[in-house]
């Protein structure tokens, strides 16, 4: 199914494979993902399950069978429960290599919506970095490649548009991860046509809701949310505290689900991507993609609870 590295770089035969990936993913995931909430990518209408996996830090391990085993189990469980979106980047150490090894077995690649990034200056460097991503991920099509931290956006977006035209990538976008970047992201979203953005947004980090999320809805841009747990700040804040009984009103059974359901309740959000390095985390987090989501009054109550900690 996957061409050699030489073929990957050359880009031969990519358009047919792109179609195959879409067809196989749809056929394999329909029954399993029927219980998960889905949202559409505005630029295409393609539907995605609303919880994905982020690979920063947790997948940056030595690519040995022993180190990869629990991560492979997590990805396998994720796919078996209907998850598809997995996000990585060249700057995440060995994460692309590790993910490539995992997805190259058991037909997993065809069942995953695979995302990576480009974060270099200049076209030549960008082309080289993206080529390495194809090699490391052992694939000839990457579903989404985004400009990491809005580095050299004009050059990198031009490169990504060329790759999209060639069928090597299916969507393009831009990412940030801290509030100080939001103004630059807003400016980019205003002047460019993007399929996706990726932004920091969490129950204790709500800045993106002021201008970025409304602008994404207005411009028809899908929104992936990184650090939805506030880089573990939220877990530390509620340590030793019981989940409030009223969380059951929106089918919430754990603190991770509480935090994720808050993010998902914003209508502009397409898919948060928490790090999930264990199958048990996958099972818990995907619970947030089922049942009811908090309404506006419940979200206000959630904010008050966390703000008071």
Protein backbone atom coordinates (compact mmCIF):
# COMPACT_ATOMS: atom_id res chain seq x y z
CA UNK A 1 0.00 0.00 0.00
CA UNK A 2 2.82 2.41 0.82
CA UNK A 3 5.40 3.33 -1.85
CA UNK A 4 9.13 3.44 -1.34
CA UNK A 5 10.86 6.53 0.01
CA UNK A 6 12.04 7.46 -3.47
CA UNK A 7 8.45 7.36 -4.70
CA UNK A 8 7.29 9.40 -1.70
CA UNK A 9 9.69 12.21 -2.49
CA UNK A 10 8.94 12.10 -6.17
CA UNK A 11 5.21 12.13 -5.46
CA UNK A 12 4.24 9.47 -8.00
CA UNK A 13 0.77 7.94 -7.82
CA UNK A 14 -0.45 10.08 -4.94
CA UNK A 15 -3.86 11.09 -6.20
CA UNK A 16 -5.17 7.52 -6.47
CA UNK A 17 -3.86 6.68 -3.00
CA UNK A 18 -5.59 9.73 -1.56
CA UNK A 19 -8.91 8.42 -2.85
CA UNK A 20 -8.18 4.96 -1.47
CA UNK A 21 -7.38 6.38 1.97
CA UNK A 22 -10.69 8.24 2.02
CA UNK A 23 -12.71 5.22 0.92
CA UNK A 24 -11.04 2.77 3.30
CA UNK A 25 -11.26 5.16 6.23
CA UNK A 26 -14.96 5.73 5.64
CA UNK A 27 -15.74 2.01 5.30
CA UNK A 28 -13.66 0.96 8.30
CA UNK A 29 -14.85 3.68 10.65
CA UNK A 30 -18.59 3.96 10.00
CA UNK A 31 -19.80 1.32 12.43
CA UNK A 32 -17.18 1.89 15.13
CA UNK A 33 -17.53 5.67 15.22
CA UNK A 34 -21.35 5.79 15.13
CA UNK A 35 -21.50 6.69 18.83
CA UNK A 36 -18.93 9.47 18.64
CA UNK A 37 -19.90 13.05 17.96
CA UNK A 38 -18.67 14.21 14.56
CA UNK A 39 -18.19 17.67 13.10
CA UNK A 40 -17.64 18.74 9.52
CA UNK A 41 -14.58 20.42 8.04
CA UNK A 42 -16.17 23.62 6.69
CA UNK A 43 -14.06 23.79 3.52
CA UNK A 44 -15.07 20.31 2.36
CA UNK A 45 -17.91 18.92 4.45
CA UNK A 46 -15.81 15.89 5.40
CA UNK A 47 -16.82 14.65 8.84
CA UNK A 48 -14.36 13.98 11.66
CA UNK A 49 -14.78 12.48 15.14
CA UNK A 50 -14.38 15.32 17.62
CA UNK A 51 -11.50 13.94 19.73
CA UNK A 52 -8.03 13.33 18.31
CA UNK A 53 -4.57 12.40 19.60
CA UNK A 54 -1.72 14.87 19.99
CA UNK A 55 1.79 13.38 19.95
CA UNK A 56 3.89 16.19 21.44
CA UNK A 57 6.08 14.97 24.33
CA UNK A 58 4.28 11.67 24.93
CA UNK A 59 5.29 10.10 21.62
CA UNK A 60 8.83 11.44 21.71
CA UNK A 61 10.32 8.11 22.79
CA UNK A 62 13.12 5.91 21.56
CA UNK A 63 11.66 4.01 18.58
CA UNK A 64 12.15 0.55 20.05
CA UNK A 65 9.47 -2.17 20.36
CA UNK A 66 9.46 -1.87 24.15
CA UNK A 67 9.00 1.91 24.17
CA UNK A 68 6.47 1.91 21.33
CA UNK A 69 4.28 -0.91 22.69
CA UNK A 70 2.00 1.16 24.98
CA UNK A 71 1.69 3.86 22.34
CA UNK A 72 0.75 1.28 19.71
CA UNK A 73 -1.88 -0.08 22.09
CA UNK A 74 -3.26 3.43 22.61
CA UNK A 75 -3.50 4.11 18.86
CA UNK A 76 -5.07 0.72 18.19
CA UNK A 77 -7.67 1.32 20.89
CA UNK A 78 -8.31 4.83 19.57
CA UNK A 79 -8.99 3.53 16.07
CA UNK A 80 -11.08 0.62 17.33
CA UNK A 81 -13.36 3.07 19.15
CA UNK A 82 -13.80 5.20 16.03
CA UNK A 83 -11.12 7.86 16.47
CA UNK A 84 -9.28 9.06 13.37
CA UNK A 85 -7.41 12.35 13.93
CA UNK A 86 -3.74 12.10 14.97
CA UNK A 87 -1.50 15.17 15.01
CA UNK A 88 2.29 15.31 15.01
CA UNK A 89 5.17 17.53 13.82
CA UNK A 90 8.81 17.30 12.73
CA UNK A 91 9.78 19.30 15.82
CA UNK A 92 8.34 16.68 18.18
CA UNK A 93 11.58 14.72 18.44
CA UNK A 94 11.02 11.12 17.37
CA UNK A 95 7.21 11.38 17.30
CA UNK A 96 6.92 11.17 13.51
CA UNK A 97 9.19 8.11 13.40
CA UNK A 98 7.26 6.43 16.21
CA UNK A 99 3.90 7.21 14.66
CA UNK A 100 5.09 5.99 11.26
CA UNK A 101 6.07 2.64 12.76
CA UNK A 102 2.72 2.30 14.52
CA UNK A 103 0.60 3.24 11.51
CA UNK A 104 2.51 1.00 9.10
CA UNK A 105 1.05 -2.09 10.77
CA UNK A 106 -2.45 -3.56 10.89
CA UNK A 107 -3.79 -1.26 8.18
CA UNK A 108 -3.91 1.64 10.61
CA UNK A 109 -2.74 4.31 8.18
CA UNK A 110 -5.86 3.98 6.02
CA UNK A 111 -8.06 4.51 9.09
CA UNK A 112 -6.38 7.69 10.36
CA UNK A 113 -6.70 11.38 9.50
CA UNK A 114 -2.99 12.17 9.71
CA UNK A 115 -1.75 15.68 10.48
CA UNK A 116 1.73 17.18 10.58
CA UNK A 117 3.36 20.59 10.28
CA UNK A 118 6.10 22.60 8.60
CA UNK A 119 8.14 25.02 10.67
CA UNK A 120 11.14 26.22 8.70
CA UNK A 121 12.23 29.39 6.90
CA UNK A 122 12.39 29.37 3.09
CA UNK A 123 10.93 27.15 0.40
CA UNK A 124 13.90 24.82 0.00
CA UNK A 125 14.02 24.05 3.71
CA UNK A 126 10.25 23.57 3.82
CA UNK A 127 10.25 21.13 0.91
CA UNK A 128 13.03 19.14 2.57
CA UNK A 129 11.29 19.07 5.95
CA UNK A 130 7.99 17.93 4.48
CA UNK A 131 9.74 15.23 2.44
CA UNK A 132 11.28 13.92 5.67
CA UNK A 133 7.82 13.87 7.26
CA UNK A 134 6.51 11.67 4.44
CA UNK A 135 9.47 9.33 4.95
CA UNK A 136 9.18 9.19 8.73
CA UNK A 137 5.43 8.72 8.66
CA UNK A 138 5.77 6.03 5.96
CA UNK A 139 2.97 7.48 3.86
CA UNK A 140 2.53 9.15 0.49
CA UNK A 141 -0.42 11.32 1.55
CA UNK A 142 -0.70 13.47 4.67
CA UNK A 143 -4.23 14.64 5.30
CA UNK A 144 -3.29 17.99 6.84
CA UNK A 145 -0.04 19.93 6.98
CA UNK A 146 -0.09 23.24 8.87
CA UNK A 147 2.38 26.08 9.20
CA UNK A 148 3.81 25.54 12.67
CA UNK A 149 3.72 28.62 14.92
CA UNK A 150 3.02 30.75 11.80
CA UNK A 151 6.69 30.57 10.80
CA UNK A 152 7.35 32.19 7.40
CA UNK A 153 3.64 31.87 6.56
CA UNK A 154 3.67 33.33 3.05
CA UNK A 155 6.41 31.00 1.81
CA UNK A 156 5.15 27.95 3.66
CA UNK A 157 1.52 28.39 2.63
CA UNK A 158 2.59 28.71 -1.00
CA UNK A 159 4.53 25.46 -0.67
CA UNK A 160 1.55 23.74 0.95
CA UNK A 161 -0.80 24.93 -1.78
CA UNK A 162 1.49 23.37 -4.36
CA UNK A 163 1.46 20.09 -2.45
CA UNK A 164 -2.32 20.23 -2.16
CA UNK A 165 -2.66 20.75 -5.90
CA UNK A 166 -0.40 17.73 -6.46
CA UNK A 167 -2.54 15.58 -4.13
CA UNK A 168 0.26 15.04 -1.60
CA UNK A 169 -1.71 16.78 1.14
CA UNK A 170 -5.46 17.23 1.42
CA UNK A 171 -5.76 20.25 3.71
CA UNK A 172 -3.55 23.11 4.89
CA UNK A 173 -3.58 25.41 7.88
CA UNK A 174 -1.64 27.22 10.59
CA UNK A 175 -0.96 26.62 14.27
CA UNK A 176 -0.19 28.51 17.47
CA UNK A 177 0.01 27.39 21.07
CA UNK A 178 0.12 30.51 23.25
CA UNK A 179 -1.95 33.66 23.67
CA UNK A 180 0.84 35.98 22.53
CA UNK A 181 0.44 34.52 19.02
CA UNK A 182 -3.30 35.10 18.70
CA UNK A 183 -3.06 38.54 17.09
CA UNK A 184 -0.75 37.19 14.38
CA UNK A 185 -3.06 34.23 13.83
CA UNK A 186 -6.05 36.53 13.51
CA UNK A 187 -4.24 38.60 10.89
CA UNK A 188 -3.29 35.48 8.93
CA UNK A 189 -6.83 34.12 9.05
CA UNK A 190 -8.14 37.42 7.74
CA UNK A 191 -5.86 37.61 4.72
CA UNK A 192 -5.45 33.91 3.80
CA UNK A 193 -7.81 31.05 2.98
CA UNK A 194 -7.12 28.21 5.41
CA UNK A 195 -8.77 24.83 5.89
CA UNK A 196 -7.67 24.49 9.53
CA UNK A 197 -6.19 26.37 12.41
CA UNK A 198 -4.79 24.86 15.58
CA UNK A 199 -4.96 26.99 18.72
CA UNK A 200 -4.62 26.78 22.49
CA UNK A 201 -8.02 26.79 24.21
CA UNK A 202 -8.97 25.32 27.57
CA UNK A 203 -11.27 25.91 30.51
CA UNK A 204 -8.54 27.96 32.19
CA UNK A 205 -7.22 29.51 28.94
CA UNK A 206 -10.17 31.10 27.16
CA UNK A 207 -8.49 33.88 25.16
CA UNK A 208 -9.09 32.20 21.80
CA UNK A 209 -12.85 32.47 22.34
CA UNK A 210 -12.73 36.25 22.16
CA UNK A 211 -11.77 36.70 18.50
CA UNK A 212 -10.16 33.58 17.02
CA UNK A 213 -13.01 31.10 17.38
CA UNK A 214 -15.69 33.53 16.14
CA UNK A 215 -13.45 34.43 13.18
CA UNK A 216 -12.94 30.74 12.37
CA UNK A 217 -16.69 30.23 12.28
CA UNK A 218 -17.13 33.32 10.12
CA UNK A 219 -14.38 32.30 7.70
CA UNK A 220 -15.32 28.62 7.52
CA UNK A 221 -12.11 27.31 9.10
CA UNK A 222 -11.93 24.06 11.06
CA UNK A 223 -10.45 24.39 14.55
CA UNK A 224 -8.16 21.88 16.21
CA UNK A 225 -7.47 22.64 19.87
CA UNK A 226 -4.11 21.86 21.41
CA UNK A 227 -3.38 21.73 25.15
CA UNK A 228 -7.10 21.35 26.07
CA UNK A 229 -5.96 20.37 29.58
CA UNK A 230 -3.81 23.49 29.89
CA UNK A 231 -0.58 21.44 29.85
CA UNK A 232 -1.86 19.60 32.95
CA UNK A 233 -2.66 22.84 34.82
CA UNK A 234 -6.29 21.80 35.09
CA UNK A 235 -5.48 18.38 36.51
CA UNK A 236 -3.29 19.98 39.15
CA UNK A 237 -6.04 22.45 40.01
CA UNK A 238 -8.64 19.74 40.69
CA UNK A 239 -6.31 17.20 42.29
CA UNK A 240 -8.05 15.54 45.20
CA UNK A 241 -11.41 17.09 44.33
CA UNK A 242 -14.50 15.11 43.43
CA UNK A 243 -16.25 15.74 40.14
CA UNK A 244 -19.30 17.94 40.85
CA UNK A 245 -22.57 15.96 40.76
CA UNK A 246 -24.06 18.38 38.22
CA UNK A 247 -21.51 17.19 35.62
CA UNK A 248 -23.87 14.24 35.08
CA UNK A 249 -26.30 16.72 33.51
CA UNK A 250 -24.12 16.63 30.39
CA UNK A 251 -23.10 12.97 30.58
CA UNK A 252 -19.69 13.65 32.12
CA UNK A 253 -18.04 10.90 34.18
CA UNK A 254 -14.47 12.18 34.79
CA UNK A 255 -12.37 15.34 35.01
CA UNK A 256 -10.79 14.77 31.56
CA UNK A 257 -14.27 14.53 30.06
CA UNK A 258 -15.28 17.67 31.99
CA UNK A 259 -12.43 19.66 30.46
CA UNK A 260 -12.91 18.26 26.96
CA UNK A 261 -16.67 18.73 26.93
CA UNK A 262 -16.19 22.37 27.83
CA UNK A 263 -13.96 22.85 24.78
CA UNK A 264 -16.28 20.85 22.51
CA UNK A 265 -19.31 22.86 23.60
CA UNK A 266 -17.97 25.82 21.62
CA UNK A 267 -19.63 25.52 18.22
CA UNK A 268 -16.50 26.64 16.33
CA UNK A 269 -14.34 23.82 17.70
CA UNK A 270 -13.86 20.85 15.39
CA UNK A 271 -11.47 18.62 17.32
CA UNK A 272 -9.34 18.93 20.48
CA UNK A 273 -6.19 16.80 20.38
CA UNK A 274 -5.11 15.84 23.91
CA UNK A 275 -2.03 13.72 24.38
CA UNK A 276 -2.97 10.07 24.88
CA UNK A 277 -0.17 7.64 25.60
CA UNK A 278 -2.24 4.88 27.22
CA UNK A 279 -5.29 2.95 26.08
CA UNK A 280 -7.08 3.81 29.34
CA UNK A 281 -6.65 7.53 28.58
CA UNK A 282 -8.08 6.95 25.11
CA UNK A 283 -11.16 5.25 26.51
CA UNK A 284 -11.76 8.01 29.05
CA UNK A 285 -11.16 10.92 26.67
CA UNK A 286 -13.36 9.51 23.92
CA UNK A 287 -16.17 9.48 26.46
CA UNK A 288 -16.24 13.25 25.98
CA UNK A 289 -17.30 12.67 22.37
CA UNK A 290 -20.48 10.93 23.47
CA UNK A 291 -23.70 12.11 25.05
CA UNK A 292 -24.73 15.66 25.83
CA UNK A 293 -22.48 18.72 25.87
CA UNK A 294 -22.85 21.56 28.37
CA UNK A 295 -25.10 24.44 27.41
CA UNK A 296 -24.22 28.11 27.88
CA UNK A 297 -25.36 28.23 31.52
CA UNK A 298 -23.48 25.05 32.35
CA UNK A 299 -20.33 26.37 30.66
CA UNK A 300 -20.54 29.51 32.80
CA UNK A 301 -20.83 27.31 35.88
CA UNK A 302 -17.78 25.30 34.77
CA UNK A 303 -15.79 28.51 34.32
CA UNK A 304 -16.79 29.75 37.78
CA UNK A 305 -15.75 26.46 39.35
CA UNK A 306 -12.28 26.51 37.80
CA UNK A 307 -11.75 30.25 38.32
CA UNK A 308 -12.41 29.79 42.03
CA UNK A 309 -9.74 27.12 42.49
